[in-house]
Structures are given as C-alpha cells and as structure tokens.
C-alpha cells in the first residue's frame, strides 16, 4: 500500500534513460559494440578517427549535432549496413535521438 502511494505521488521514479554501449568483440583488427539509443537521449561530444561499418538492428533517424550546434539527420534503415569514413581532423559531434523510438546500431570499427 505504501509503495503504491509513493508511485502514485511520483516519489519513486526510474532513472532517466541513457544511451548504452554493449561490447561485442575486440581483436587486433577491429572493435565492435552495440549502441542502444533510447528516445530523447544524446551522447557526449566525441569524434570518430577510424573507418567503421554501422548495422541498423532497429533503425531510425539519428541527429548528429556538431560542436557548433549544426544538426544533420541520418536515417538508418533497419537491417541495412553503412560504411563511414573517419571524421575530418578537429571535427566533433554528439549523437541525439530526438524521436520517440529506441534506435539500436552495431558498430564495427577497423583498427
């Protein structure tokens, strides 16, 4: 009864959703992880220095937000694979899921 009252009163809440990176494998040639990107979450500012393949397990529209605030929407189609080159020197971005659906991507990065 007390637990139900706390939930109803909003005093017992779940932690906000966060992006997660689940390691898949790593060897001397490549590293792989699965990114689970819940709705309305964003990563920290980062860059990609290596060639990589991205496989959309659960696709969606991912917004890349540059350090200057410029937004670019990348559509990942479920079941498709994408090849991406390293980012230009000095460029950084955040990944933001501005949609209402979770996006799941497997990344395979060449060392």
Protein backbone atom coordinates (compact mmCIF):
# COMPACT_ATOMS: atom_id res chain seq x y z
CA UNK A 1 0.00 0.00 0.00
CA UNK A 2 2.79 2.46 0.90
CA UNK A 3 4.76 1.57 -2.26
CA UNK A 4 1.69 2.20 -4.40
CA UNK A 5 1.15 5.58 -2.72
CA UNK A 6 4.79 6.55 -3.39
CA UNK A 7 4.48 5.59 -7.06
CA UNK A 8 1.21 7.49 -7.45
CA UNK A 9 2.71 10.52 -5.70
CA UNK A 10 5.69 10.39 -8.06
CA UNK A 11 8.15 9.94 -5.21
CA UNK A 12 9.50 6.66 -6.55
CA UNK A 13 10.78 7.24 -10.08
CA UNK A 14 13.00 5.41 -12.50
CA UNK A 15 16.34 6.87 -13.52
CA UNK A 16 16.20 8.66 -16.88
CA UNK A 17 17.04 6.53 -19.91
CA UNK A 18 20.62 6.68 -21.13
CA UNK A 19 22.48 5.54 -24.22
CA UNK A 20 24.34 2.30 -23.65
CA UNK A 21 27.32 0.79 -25.43
CA UNK A 22 27.48 -3.01 -25.18
CA UNK A 23 30.82 -4.56 -26.23
CA UNK A 24 30.51 -7.23 -28.94
CA UNK A 25 34.13 -8.18 -29.69
CA UNK A 26 37.65 -6.82 -30.00
CA UNK A 27 40.74 -8.20 -31.69
CA UNK A 28 43.90 -6.83 -33.30
CA UNK A 29 41.97 -5.72 -36.43
CA UNK A 30 38.62 -4.40 -35.22
CA UNK A 31 36.42 -3.49 -32.27
CA UNK A 32 32.62 -3.77 -32.16
CA UNK A 33 29.85 -2.59 -29.89
CA UNK A 34 26.08 -2.32 -29.90
CA UNK A 35 24.69 1.14 -29.21
CA UNK A 36 21.20 1.29 -27.72
CA UNK A 37 19.89 4.84 -28.07
CA UNK A 38 16.60 5.46 -26.21
CA UNK A 39 14.24 8.27 -27.23
CA UNK A 40 15.25 11.81 -26.29
CA UNK A 41 18.83 10.96 -25.27
CA UNK A 42 22.17 12.24 -26.52
CA UNK A 43 25.79 11.22 -26.26
CA UNK A 44 28.68 13.33 -25.11
CA UNK A 45 30.71 15.28 -27.66
CA UNK A 46 33.09 12.86 -29.43
CA UNK A 47 34.79 12.06 -32.73
CA UNK A 48 35.42 9.02 -34.96
CA UNK A 49 39.03 8.57 -36.06
CA UNK A 50 38.61 5.20 -37.79
CA UNK A 51 36.71 3.63 -40.69
CA UNK A 52 33.63 1.79 -39.49
CA UNK A 53 30.57 -0.17 -40.55
CA UNK A 54 27.24 0.52 -38.87
CA UNK A 55 24.47 -2.08 -38.99
CA UNK A 56 20.99 -0.89 -38.05
CA UNK A 57 19.37 -3.56 -35.89
CA UNK A 58 16.47 -1.21 -35.11
CA UNK A 59 16.70 1.76 -37.42
CA UNK A 60 15.57 5.32 -37.07
CA UNK A 61 16.56 8.94 -37.52
CA UNK A 62 19.69 9.85 -35.57
CA UNK A 63 20.57 13.54 -35.28
CA UNK A 64 24.26 14.44 -35.37
CA UNK A 65 24.88 17.69 -33.52
CA UNK A 66 28.17 19.36 -34.37
CA UNK A 67 30.26 21.24 -31.81
CA UNK A 68 28.92 24.42 -33.48
CA UNK A 69 25.30 23.28 -32.91
CA UNK A 70 24.64 22.42 -36.57
CA UNK A 71 22.25 19.44 -36.86
CA UNK A 72 22.29 16.73 -39.53
CA UNK A 73 19.72 13.91 -39.51
CA UNK A 74 20.97 10.49 -40.60
CA UNK A 75 18.33 7.87 -41.40
CA UNK A 76 19.36 4.30 -40.56
CA UNK A 77 17.10 1.70 -42.16
CA UNK A 78 16.51 -1.48 -40.15
CA UNK A 79 18.61 -4.37 -41.49
CA UNK A 80 20.92 -2.21 -43.62
CA UNK A 81 24.67 -1.72 -43.25
CA UNK A 82 26.51 1.58 -43.76
CA UNK A 83 30.20 2.38 -44.35
CA UNK A 84 31.56 5.55 -42.77
CA UNK A 85 34.96 7.20 -43.13
CA UNK A 86 36.82 8.87 -40.25
CA UNK A 87 35.69 12.38 -39.37
CA UNK A 88 37.74 15.32 -40.66
CA UNK A 89 40.52 16.48 -38.36
CA UNK A 90 39.24 18.55 -35.44
CA UNK A 91 35.54 17.83 -36.11
CA UNK A 92 33.37 16.54 -33.23
CA UNK A 93 29.67 15.77 -32.72
CA UNK A 94 27.03 14.36 -30.40
CA UNK A 95 24.55 11.64 -31.38
CA UNK A 96 20.99 12.62 -30.41
CA UNK A 97 17.82 10.56 -30.69
CA UNK A 98 15.15 13.22 -30.99
CA UNK A 99 12.48 10.66 -31.90
CA UNK A 100 10.06 8.67 -29.75
CA UNK A 101 11.59 5.28 -30.67
CA UNK A 102 14.72 3.45 -29.48
CA UNK A 103 17.46 3.04 -32.11
CA UNK A 104 19.86 0.06 -31.96
CA UNK A 105 23.07 0.05 -34.01
CA UNK A 106 26.00 -2.35 -34.16
CA UNK A 107 29.28 -0.58 -34.93
CA UNK A 108 32.34 -2.42 -36.28
CA UNK A 109 35.37 -0.14 -36.25
CA UNK A 110 38.57 -1.02 -38.15
CA UNK A 111 41.76 -0.54 -36.13
